[in-house]
Amino acid sequence: MDISAQKTNTYIALGILAGLGVLIALVQTWKWFLRSGREITDISTISKFVFYIFGSVGSAILLVTAGVSIYLLFYKSEYEKNFSGEDFVSFESLLKIFLVVSFIFKTLDIIHLIFRQARIDIFFMDWEKSKTGISNNVAVWRTYFVANEFNEIQTSRRINVTFQMFFVLFFLKVIQLENISCAQSGYILFQSAANCTEYNQSFRTGIGFVTLLGTAIVQYLAYVLFYQRLIADRIVNFIDLCSVSNISVFILDENQHGYYIHGRSPHGATNVNIKEILMNLYREENQMIGTRGLQANSNEQVFIMKMNRNFRKQYDMLFRNYNNYVGPRKSREDTERYTDMLLQSYQNLNGFLCAFIDHSIASHKYFVRNRYFVERIFDYEFQTQAHIQSDNTVDNFLYIDNERSFTKIFFYGEERSLFLWNAATFLLVDAIAQNYVLAAAITYTLNAIFVSIRDSFGRRNLSRKTLIPRNFLI
């Protein structure tokens, strides 16, 4: 194997994948630009493009580095012939630089991801009607219950990093897959430490990435095929909880784009005793009552929203009035003074959103449809000319979200980015220290720190946007 030729091929592969990454970043920026309702390219647009480049190009660099390292393993039987000399040492140094750059880019990408997820606009729409006719008598505990479940799933993932690091170390250290990376010819798993006095870093990167990827795939499939089906699907359970609580979730992740989870109960009321709850579930199970879906005789409860400027202006105005009264007051008198104003602002925003969903506002219509195949491929809802209002604004649209796109506001929906960041961390630490145990420990610790940051910022945003005190979010 010619190391010089391999180095050239690596540059070519990196150039192709990095170019593809820039193209992907451009498409992501274009989608964000339209969804945010911007009309001109500004600093925010350029910043978004740069951060999207960090994510896609960082992934490309990591995949090229891992791919080359795995490729080198196939020539391990000719170690003395191919893996000696200054050319190979220089090539290994290049791969280590790639790992450093990849880790930096992916870390910036995860910071950007946390920033996006922790600043969403969210509101819990309460459909419950007071039995006494006084709206102030509707209990708030159902909203608190739904908010706590939402808070819990913000950082949930299908790949558990603790289990992954445990199994990675099990295969590398106990099963001794680490010995494949010995700086010698041949593939020998079970050999004494005296027979393997030196490890080749490229081989360590290759076998490390294969083990990381293998354990991640197995864990992902086990979660999707077994745990999610037989034990619990947290996303489905959350949607069911919304219906049981008579609470809908209105989310705007961008200025004119968001998600809607329809939780309106077909029973009309859910603030009932245990007997009525059981009877309600019995009626649903035996199809003795309407369905939970937004549309008649449908079960679709999750939608992607594409809103126009007029709706966003109205929402911002009501939310601004509502948000102005959120937060601690300096004295008891201030608290008592603003309580009624806060409640009225909350009811105005809740009433507006409920009326909008009920098609009760003529100036804010919306239409429901499935996304076209091309829209699902590009994950973007193209503008149609079917419905144009008199002021030339496009109507609001709700697209049935069969793909669960709304999970992108959680770690749950960004599994690929998080896995690649964890892999970049693990491989970089091992490249520096040549110690898989240390790499696993630092990967676990760094992941726990970022999860804690995401949880803290997400909890604060949820409390601020929904009027739920942080001490009520468990």
Protein backbone atom coordinates (compact mmCIF):
# COMPACT_ATOMS: atom_id res chain seq x y z
CA MET A 1 0.00 0.00 0.00
CA ASP A 2 1.34 3.40 -1.01
CA ILE A 3 0.99 5.79 1.94
CA SER A 4 1.42 8.85 -0.30
CA ALA A 5 -1.40 7.67 -2.55
CA GLN A 6 -3.53 6.92 0.51
CA LYS A 7 -2.91 10.42 1.80
CA THR A 8 -4.00 11.89 -1.53
CA ASN A 9 -7.13 9.73 -1.53
CA THR A 10 -7.91 10.93 1.98
CA TYR A 11 -7.75 14.55 0.87
CA ILE A 12 -10.00 13.76 -2.10
CA ALA A 13 -12.56 11.99 0.09
CA LEU A 14 -12.47 14.82 2.60
CA GLY A 15 -12.91 17.41 -0.13
CA ILE A 16 -15.93 15.60 -1.57
CA LEU A 17 -17.64 15.01 1.78
CA ALA A 18 -16.80 18.48 3.07
CA GLY A 19 -18.21 19.99 -0.12
CA LEU A 20 -21.35 17.92 0.37
CA GLY A 21 -21.44 19.12 3.97
CA VAL A 22 -21.30 22.76 2.88
CA LEU A 23 -24.15 22.08 0.44
CA ILE A 24 -26.20 20.48 3.23
CA ALA A 25 -25.45 23.48 5.46
CA LEU A 26 -26.63 25.79 2.69
CA VAL A 27 -29.92 23.88 2.39
CA GLN A 28 -30.38 23.94 6.17
CA THR A 29 -29.76 27.68 6.24
CA TRP A 30 -32.21 28.20 3.38
CA LYS A 31 -34.91 26.28 5.27
CA TRP A 32 -34.21 28.24 8.44
CA PHE A 33 -34.27 31.53 6.51
CA LEU A 34 -37.75 30.83 5.10
CA ARG A 35 -39.14 29.35 8.31
CA SER A 36 -37.97 32.35 10.31
CA GLY A 37 -39.76 34.70 7.92
CA ARG A 38 -36.70 36.77 7.08
CA GLU A 39 -36.57 38.89 3.96
CA ILE A 40 -32.89 39.84 3.79
CA THR A 41 -29.62 38.10 4.56
CA ASP A 42 -28.26 39.47 7.82
CA ILE A 43 -25.71 38.58 10.50
CA SER A 44 -28.05 35.98 12.00
CA THR A 45 -28.32 34.22 8.65
CA ILE A 46 -24.56 34.14 8.18
CA SER A 47 -24.10 32.89 11.75
CA LYS A 48 -26.61 30.10 11.16
CA PHE A 49 -24.79 29.09 8.00
CA VAL A 50 -21.46 28.96 9.85
CA PHE A 51 -22.89 26.82 12.66
CA TYR A 52 -24.55 24.47 10.18
CA ILE A 53 -21.16 24.16 8.45
CA PHE A 54 -19.60 23.23 11.79
CA GLY A 55 -22.10 20.40 12.14
CA SER A 56 -22.00 18.93 8.64
CA VAL A 57 -18.29 19.44 7.93
CA GLY A 58 -17.38 18.19 11.42
CA SER A 59 -19.32 15.00 10.69
CA ALA A 60 -17.59 14.68 7.32
CA ILE A 61 -14.11 15.00 8.86
CA LEU A 62 -14.92 12.42 11.53
CA LEU A 63 -16.32 9.92 9.02
CA VAL A 64 -13.31 10.32 6.73
CA THR A 65 -10.90 9.81 9.64
CA ALA A 66 -12.77 6.76 10.90
CA GLY A 67 -13.18 5.35 7.39
CA VAL A 68 -9.48 5.67 6.59
CA SER A 69 -8.54 4.10 9.93
CA ILE A 70 -10.84 1.14 9.29
CA TYR A 71 -9.44 0.80 5.78
CA LEU A 72 -5.89 0.62 7.16
CA LEU A 73 -6.91 -2.34 9.32
CA PHE A 74 -7.33 -4.45 6.18
CA TYR A 75 -3.60 -4.04 5.48
CA LYS A 76 -2.52 -4.94 9.00
CA SER A 77 -1.07 -8.26 7.82
CA GLU A 78 1.58 -6.23 5.94
CA TYR A 79 2.40 -4.01 8.91
CA GLU A 80 6.18 -4.09 8.69
CA LYS A 81 6.05 -3.33 4.98
CA ASN A 82 3.44 -0.55 4.89
CA PHE A 83 3.30 1.08 8.32
CA SER A 84 6.79 2.31 8.98
CA GLY A 85 8.77 5.35 7.98
CA GLU A 86 8.25 9.07 8.16
CA ASP A 87 5.42 9.07 5.59
CA PHE A 88 3.19 6.98 7.81
CA VAL A 89 4.08 8.98 10.94
CA SER A 90 3.11 12.14 9.07
CA PHE A 91 -0.11 10.49 7.90
CA GLU A 92 -1.03 9.50 11.47
CA SER A 93 -0.39 13.06 12.63
CA LEU A 94 -2.74 14.29 9.92
CA LEU A 95 -5.49 11.93 11.12
CA LYS A 96 -5.00 13.15 14.68
CA ILE A 97 -5.40 16.76 13.49
CA PHE A 98 -8.61 15.70 11.75
CA LEU A 99 -9.91 14.32 15.06
CA VAL A 100 -9.11 17.59 16.85
CA VAL A 101 -10.90 19.67 14.22
CA SER A 102 -13.84 17.26 14.15
CA PHE A 103 -14.24 17.41 17.93
CA ILE A 104 -14.15 21.22 17.95
CA PHE A 105 -16.68 21.48 15.12
CA LYS A 106 -19.04 18.90 16.62
CA THR A 107 -18.86 20.53 20.05
CA LEU A 108 -19.84 23.87 18.52
CA ASP A 109 -22.62 22.05 16.68
CA ILE A 110 -23.99 20.61 19.94
CA ILE A 111 -23.82 24.02 21.61
CA HIS A 112 -25.83 25.40 18.68
CA LEU A 113 -28.26 22.48 19.04
CA ILE A 114 -28.81 23.21 22.73
CA PHE A 115 -29.30 26.90 21.99
CA ARG A 116 -31.96 26.11 19.35
CA GLN A 117 -33.84 23.68 21.54
CA ALA A 118 -33.71 25.81 24.70
CA ARG A 119 -35.27 28.90 23.12
CA ILE A 120 -38.44 27.47 21.56
CA ASP A 121 -41.77 29.16 22.18
CA ILE A 122 -44.16 26.77 23.88
CA PHE A 123 -47.64 27.09 25.32
CA PHE A 124 -49.92 24.49 26.89
CA MET A 125 -53.46 25.02 25.64
CA ASP A 126 -56.07 24.05 28.22
CA TRP A 127 -59.36 22.86 26.69
CA GLU A 128 -61.03 22.19 30.04
CA LYS A 129 -64.21 24.12 30.79
CA SER A 130 -65.27 25.04 34.29
CA LYS A 131 -68.31 23.14 35.53
CA THR A 132 -69.43 26.23 37.43
CA GLY A 133 -69.11 28.50 34.41
CA ILE A 134 -66.31 30.50 36.00
CA SER A 135 -63.10 30.10 33.98
CA ASN A 136 -60.93 30.94 37.00
CA ASN A 137 -62.02 27.70 38.67
CA VAL A 138 -60.27 25.40 36.17
CA ALA A 139 -57.50 23.51 38.00
CA VAL A 140 -53.95 24.01 36.78
CA TRP A 141 -52.56 20.67 37.97
CA ARG A 142 -53.20 18.94 34.65
CA THR A 143 -50.99 21.52 32.93
CA TYR A 144 -48.28 21.01 35.54
CA PHE A 145 -48.46 17.26 35.02
CA VAL A 146 -48.05 17.56 31.23
CA ALA A 147 -45.27 20.13 31.63
CA ASN A 148 -43.32 17.81 33.92
CA GLU A 149 -43.54 14.98 31.43
CA PHE A 150 -42.43 17.33 28.65
CA ASN A 151 -39.51 18.43 30.80
CA GLU A 152 -38.46 14.83 31.45
CA ILE A 153 -38.29 13.84 27.78
CA GLN A 154 -36.29 16.91 26.71
CA THR A 155 -32.98 15.08 27.21
CA SER A 156 -34.13 11.48 26.66
CA ARG A 157 -32.31 9.48 23.98
CA ARG A 158 -32.60 6.09 22.36
CA ILE A 159 -28.87 5.51 22.84
CA ASN A 160 -27.93 5.47 26.51
CA VAL A 161 -24.36 6.75 26.79
CA THR A 162 -23.77 4.95 30.09
CA PHE A 163 -24.68 1.58 28.60
CA GLN A 164 -22.79 2.35 25.42
CA MET A 165 -19.53 3.19 27.21
CA PHE A 166 -19.91 0.08 29.38
CA PHE A 167 -20.31 -2.23 26.39
CA VAL A 168 -17.58 -0.46 24.42
CA LEU A 169 -15.13 -1.11 27.25
CA PHE A 170 -16.42 -4.66 27.59
CA PHE A 171 -15.65 -5.45 23.97
CA LEU A 172 -12.37 -3.53 23.83
CA LYS A 173 -10.89 -4.51 27.19
CA VAL A 174 -12.60 -7.75 28.25
CA ILE A 175 -13.12 -9.38 24.86
CA GLN A 176 -9.78 -7.75 23.99
CA LEU A 177 -10.69 -6.27 20.64
CA GLU A 178 -8.10 -3.67 21.56
CA ASN A 179 -5.40 -6.21 20.66
CA ILE A 180 -6.34 -5.86 16.99
CA SER A 181 -4.65 -2.46 17.13
CA CYS A 182 -1.26 -3.91 18.11
CA ALA A 183 1.63 -2.53 16.08
CA GLN A 184 2.40 -5.85 14.45
CA SER A 185 1.23 -8.06 11.61
CA GLY A 186 -1.76 -10.36 12.04
CA TYR A 187 -5.02 -10.26 13.96
CA ILE A 188 -4.62 -11.79 17.40
CA LEU A 189 -7.32 -11.23 20.01
CA PHE A 190 -6.20 -13.26 22.98
CA GLN A 191 -2.59 -12.59 23.71
CA SER A 192 -0.66 -11.49 26.76
CA ALA A 193 0.24 -7.87 27.34
CA ALA A 194 3.91 -8.77 26.90
CA ASN A 195 3.26 -9.76 23.30
CA CYS A 196 1.71 -6.37 22.50
CA THR A 197 4.08 -3.70 23.69
CA GLU A 198 2.91 -0.96 21.33
CA TYR A 199 -0.36 0.06 19.74
CA ASN A 200 -0.89 1.74 16.40
CA GLN A 201 -3.06 4.82 16.80
CA SER A 202 -4.76 4.51 13.41
CA PHE A 203 -5.76 0.94 14.25
CA ARG A 204 -7.04 2.08 17.65
CA THR A 205 -9.18 4.74 15.97
CA GLY A 206 -10.55 2.21 13.48
CA ILE A 207 -11.44 -0.51 15.97
CA GLY A 208 -12.71 2.09 18.44
CA PHE A 209 -15.12 3.60 15.91
CA VAL A 210 -16.34 0.17 14.78
CA THR A 211 -17.08 -0.76 18.39
CA LEU A 212 -18.82 2.56 19.06
CA LEU A 213 -20.93 2.26 15.93
CA GLY A 214 -21.77 -1.40 16.53
CA THR A 215 -22.91 -0.88 20.12
CA ALA A 216 -24.92 2.20 19.10
CA ILE A 217 -26.72 0.34 16.29
CA VAL A 218 -27.51 -2.65 18.52
CA GLN A 219 -28.79 -0.39 21.30
CA TYR A 220 -30.84 1.69 18.85
CA LEU A 221 -32.46 -1.39 17.30
CA ALA A 222 -33.11 -2.92 20.71
CA TYR A 223 -34.85 0.27 21.79
CA VAL A 224 -36.93 0.65 18.63
CA LEU A 225 -37.83 -3.01 18.08
CA PHE A 226 -38.23 -4.22 21.66
CA TYR A 227 -38.25 -1.58 24.39
CA GLN A 228 -40.38 0.91 22.47
CA ARG A 229 -42.89 -1.77 21.43
CA LEU A 230 -43.04 -3.98 24.51
CA ILE A 231 -42.25 -1.71 27.46
CA ALA A 232 -42.76 2.01 26.85
CA ASP A 233 -42.67 4.59 24.07
CA ARG A 234 -42.13 7.87 25.88
CA ILE A 235 -43.19 9.99 22.91
CA VAL A 236 -46.47 8.11 22.39
CA ASN A 237 -47.07 8.11 26.13
CA PHE A 238 -46.64 11.87 26.20
CA ILE A 239 -49.18 12.33 23.41
CA ASP A 240 -51.61 10.03 25.25
CA LEU A 241 -51.05 12.02 28.43
CA CYS A 242 -52.00 15.21 26.59
CA SER A 243 -55.31 13.64 25.53
CA VAL A 244 -56.02 12.29 29.00
CA SER A 245 -55.26 15.73 30.47
CA ASN A 246 -57.20 17.69 27.83
CA ILE A 247 -54.07 19.73 27.09
CA SER A 248 -52.70 20.60 23.64
CA VAL A 249 -49.09 21.65 23.08
CA PHE A 250 -48.38 24.61 20.79
CA ILE A 251 -44.70 24.91 19.85
CA LEU A 252 -42.89 27.42 17.65
CA ASP A 253 -39.26 26.52 17.04
CA GLU A 254 -38.89 29.27 14.44
CA ASN A 255 -40.73 32.50 13.73
CA GLN A 256 -43.19 30.93 11.27
CA HIS A 257 -42.68 27.23 11.88
CA GLY A 258 -43.52 24.89 14.70
CA TYR A 259 -45.41 21.83 15.89
CA TYR A 260 -48.83 21.19 17.32
CA ILE A 261 -49.81 18.23 19.50
CA HIS A 262 -53.58 17.95 19.65
CA GLY A 263 -54.53 16.84 23.14
CA ARG A 264 -58.18 17.80 23.20
CA SER A 265 -60.10 15.02 24.88
CA PRO A 266 -63.02 13.53 22.93
CA HIS A 267 -64.89 13.36 26.26
CA GLY A 268 -64.94 17.13 26.66
CA ALA A 269 -63.76 17.09 30.27
CA THR A 270 -60.97 15.26 32.07
CA ASN A 271 -61.07 16.88 35.51
CA VAL A 272 -63.20 14.00 36.80
CA ASN A 273 -63.09 11.24 39.40
CA ILE A 274 -61.53 7.81 38.93
CA LYS A 275 -64.80 6.15 37.96
CA GLU A 276 -65.43 8.60 35.13
CA ILE A 277 -61.82 8.25 33.92
CA LEU A 278 -62.20 4.47 33.69
CA MET A 279 -65.54 4.82 31.92
CA ASN A 280 -64.04 7.29 29.45
CA LEU A 281 -61.22 4.88 28.63
CA TYR A 282 -63.76 2.07 28.23
CA ARG A 283 -65.79 4.15 25.77
CA GLU A 284 -62.67 4.92 23.72
CA GLU A 285 -61.56 1.30 23.69
CA ASN A 286 -64.94 0.16 22.43
CA GLN A 287 -65.29 3.03 19.94
CA MET A 288 -68.33 4.43 21.69
CA ILE A 289 -67.11 8.00 21.34
CA GLY A 290 -65.24 10.20 18.87
CA THR A 291 -61.55 9.90 18.07
CA ARG A 292 -58.67 11.91 19.53
CA GLY A 293 -57.55 13.36 16.20
CA LEU A 294 -57.82 16.99 15.18
CA GLN A 295 -60.00 16.17 12.20
CA ALA A 296 -63.25 14.24 12.35
CA ASN A 297 -62.86 10.45 12.41
CA SER A 298 -59.07 10.66 12.45
CA ASN A 299 -56.37 9.75 14.94
CA GLU A 300 -53.70 12.19 13.76
CA GLN A 301 -52.66 14.28 16.75
CA VAL A 302 -49.22 15.59 15.77
CA PHE A 303 -48.75 18.27 13.12
CA ILE A 304 -46.06 20.46 11.63
CA MET A 305 -47.18 24.09 11.50
CA LYS A 306 -46.38 26.66 8.85
CA MET A 307 -47.75 30.00 9.98
CA ASN A 308 -48.08 33.31 8.16
CA ARG A 309 -46.90 36.72 9.32
CA ASN A 310 -50.32 37.91 10.47
CA PHE A 311 -50.74 34.98 12.82
CA ARG A 312 -47.25 35.44 14.21
CA LYS A 313 -47.86 39.14 14.87
CA GLN A 314 -51.07 38.36 16.75
CA TYR A 315 -49.37 35.59 18.72
CA ASP A 316 -46.42 37.85 19.61
CA MET A 317 -48.73 40.61 20.79
CA LEU A 318 -50.69 38.29 23.08
CA PHE A 319 -47.57 36.52 24.29
CA ARG A 320 -45.86 39.83 25.01
CA ASN A 321 -48.77 40.90 27.20
CA TYR A 322 -48.70 37.52 28.90
CA ASN A 323 -44.92 37.41 29.28
CA ASN A 324 -44.72 40.92 30.74
CA TYR A 325 -46.32 39.64 33.92
CA VAL A 326 -44.24 36.50 34.26
CA GLY A 327 -41.55 36.50 36.92
CA PRO A 328 -41.05 37.31 40.60
CA ARG A 329 -42.29 40.53 42.14
CA LYS A 330 -40.47 42.60 44.71
CA SER A 331 -43.29 42.68 47.22
CA ARG A 332 -46.51 40.97 48.11
CA GLU A 333 -48.46 44.02 46.95
CA ASP A 334 -46.86 43.79 43.50
CA THR A 335 -47.69 40.09 43.31
CA GLU A 336 -51.33 40.63 44.21
CA ARG A 337 -51.58 43.58 41.85
CA TYR A 338 -50.36 41.69 38.82
CA THR A 339 -52.02 38.33 39.50
CA ASP A 340 -55.31 39.26 37.87
CA MET A 341 -53.52 40.84 34.91
CA LEU A 342 -51.42 37.75 34.46
CA LEU A 343 -54.41 35.45 34.59
CA GLN A 344 -56.30 37.58 32.09
CA SER A 345 -53.32 37.63 29.71
CA TYR A 346 -52.96 33.86 30.00
CA GLN A 347 -56.66 33.34 29.27
CA ASN A 348 -56.48 35.67 26.26
CA LEU A 349 -53.59 33.72 24.73
CA ASN A 350 -55.18 30.38 25.57
CA GLY A 351 -58.50 31.51 24.13
CA PHE A 352 -56.89 32.79 20.94
CA LEU A 353 -55.05 29.52 20.27
CA CYS A 354 -58.10 27.39 21.09
CA ALA A 355 -60.27 29.52 18.80
CA PHE A 356 -57.65 29.26 16.06
CA ILE A 357 -57.63 25.46 16.24
CA ASP A 358 -61.44 25.45 16.27
CA HIS A 359 -61.54 27.51 13.03
CA SER A 360 -63.36 30.25 14.94
CA ILE A 361 -61.21 33.15 13.72
CA ALA A 362 -62.01 34.13 10.14
CA SER A 363 -58.84 36.17 9.74
CA HIS A 364 -56.62 33.24 10.74
CA LYS A 365 -57.59 30.21 8.72
CA TYR A 366 -55.57 27.04 8.40
CA PHE A 367 -55.65 23.95 6.23
CA VAL A 368 -54.60 20.41 7.06
CA ARG A 369 -52.88 18.12 4.58
CA ASN A 370 -50.20 15.45 4.28
CA ARG A 371 -46.71 16.38 3.22
CA TYR A 372 -45.75 15.43 -0.31
CA PHE A 373 -43.01 12.88 -0.90
CA VAL A 374 -40.52 15.57 -1.94
CA GLU A 375 -41.36 17.58 1.19
CA ARG A 376 -40.61 14.57 3.38
CA ILE A 377 -37.31 13.99 1.58
CA PHE A 378 -36.13 17.58 2.06
CA ASP A 379 -37.93 18.00 5.39
CA TYR A 380 -39.41 21.25 4.16
CA GLU A 381 -42.95 22.36 3.38
CA PHE A 382 -43.03 24.08 0.01
CA GLN A 383 -45.33 27.04 -0.55
CA THR A 384 -48.42 26.33 -2.62
CA GLN A 385 -50.60 28.75 -4.55
CA ALA A 386 -53.83 27.03 -3.56
CA HIS A 387 -54.82 29.41 -0.78
CA ILE A 388 -53.92 33.09 -1.00
CA GLN A 389 -55.58 35.68 1.20
CA SER A 390 -56.67 39.11 0.01
CA ASP A 391 -53.51 40.73 1.41
CA ASN A 392 -51.36 38.29 -0.59
CA THR A 393 -50.28 36.32 2.48
CA VAL A 394 -50.31 32.55 2.36
CA ASP A 395 -52.72 30.77 4.67
CA ASN A 396 -51.56 28.79 7.66
CA PHE A 397 -50.98 25.08 7.13
CA LEU A 398 -50.88 22.09 9.44
CA TYR A 399 -49.09 19.07 7.98
CA ILE A 400 -49.70 15.64 9.44
CA ASP A 401 -46.47 14.62 11.14
CA ASN A 402 -46.31 10.86 10.69
CA GLU A 403 -42.50 10.97 10.85
CA ARG A 404 -42.50 12.55 14.35
CA SER A 405 -40.48 15.52 13.17
CA PHE A 406 -41.45 17.36 16.35
CA THR A 407 -38.94 15.23 18.30
CA LYS A 408 -36.23 17.49 16.85
CA ILE A 409 -36.93 19.87 19.71
CA PHE A 410 -35.61 17.10 22.02
CA PHE A 411 -32.31 15.23 22.16
CA TYR A 412 -34.46 12.28 21.06
CA GLY A 413 -34.72 13.67 17.53
CA GLU A 414 -31.03 14.59 17.21
CA GLU A 415 -29.56 11.16 17.93
CA ARG A 416 -27.20 11.16 14.96
CA SER A 417 -25.53 14.46 15.86
CA LEU A 418 -25.15 13.45 19.48
CA PHE A 419 -23.68 10.05 18.60
CA LEU A 420 -21.10 11.59 16.27
CA TRP A 421 -20.13 14.10 18.95
CA ASN A 422 -19.74 11.32 21.52
CA ALA A 423 -17.65 9.35 19.01
CA ALA A 424 -15.43 12.35 18.24
CA THR A 425 -14.84 12.87 21.96
CA PHE A 426 -13.98 9.22 22.56
CA LEU A 427 -11.62 8.91 19.60
CA LEU A 428 -9.84 12.20 20.30
CA VAL A 429 -9.14 11.37 23.94
CA ASP A 430 -7.85 7.94 22.95
CA ALA A 431 -5.68 9.49 20.23
CA ILE A 432 -4.08 11.72 22.85
CA ALA A 433 -3.78 9.25 25.75
CA GLN A 434 -4.04 5.83 24.06
CA ASN A 435 -6.36 4.78 26.86
CA TYR A 436 -9.87 3.52 26.09
CA VAL A 437 -10.91 3.63 29.76
CA LEU A 438 -9.97 7.30 30.07
CA ALA A 439 -11.69 8.02 26.75
CA ALA A 440 -14.91 6.38 27.97
CA ALA A 441 -14.77 8.24 31.29
CA ILE A 442 -14.26 11.65 29.68
CA THR A 443 -16.93 10.96 27.05
CA TYR A 444 -19.42 10.02 29.76
CA THR A 445 -18.51 13.05 31.89
CA LEU A 446 -18.65 15.55 29.03
CA ASN A 447 -21.96 14.10 27.85
CA ALA A 448 -23.38 14.37 31.38
CA ILE A 449 -22.28 18.01 31.60
CA PHE A 450 -23.99 18.92 28.32
CA VAL A 451 -27.13 17.01 29.31
CA SER A 452 -27.20 18.98 32.56
CA ILE A 453 -26.79 22.25 30.64
CA ARG A 454 -29.57 21.30 28.23
CA ASP A 455 -31.81 20.30 31.12
CA SER A 456 -31.16 23.53 33.01
CA PHE A 457 -31.75 25.85 30.05
CA GLY A 458 -34.73 23.82 28.85
CA ARG A 459 -36.31 23.89 32.30
CA ARG A 460 -35.81 27.64 32.57
CA ASN A 461 -37.28 28.25 29.13
CA LEU A 462 -40.25 25.99 29.87
CA SER A 463 -40.93 27.80 33.13
CA ARG A 464 -40.64 31.24 31.55
CA LYS A 465 -42.83 30.46 28.53
CA THR A 466 -45.57 28.51 30.35
CA LEU A 467 -45.85 30.35 33.69
CA ILE A 468 -44.98 27.20 35.62
CA PRO A 469 -42.63 27.85 38.57
CA ARG A 470 -39.35 25.98 38.24
CA ASN A 471 -39.81 24.33 41.61
CA PHE A 472 -42.88 22.57 40.19
CA LEU A 473 -40.79 21.02 37.41
CA ILE A 474 -39.45 17.84 38.92
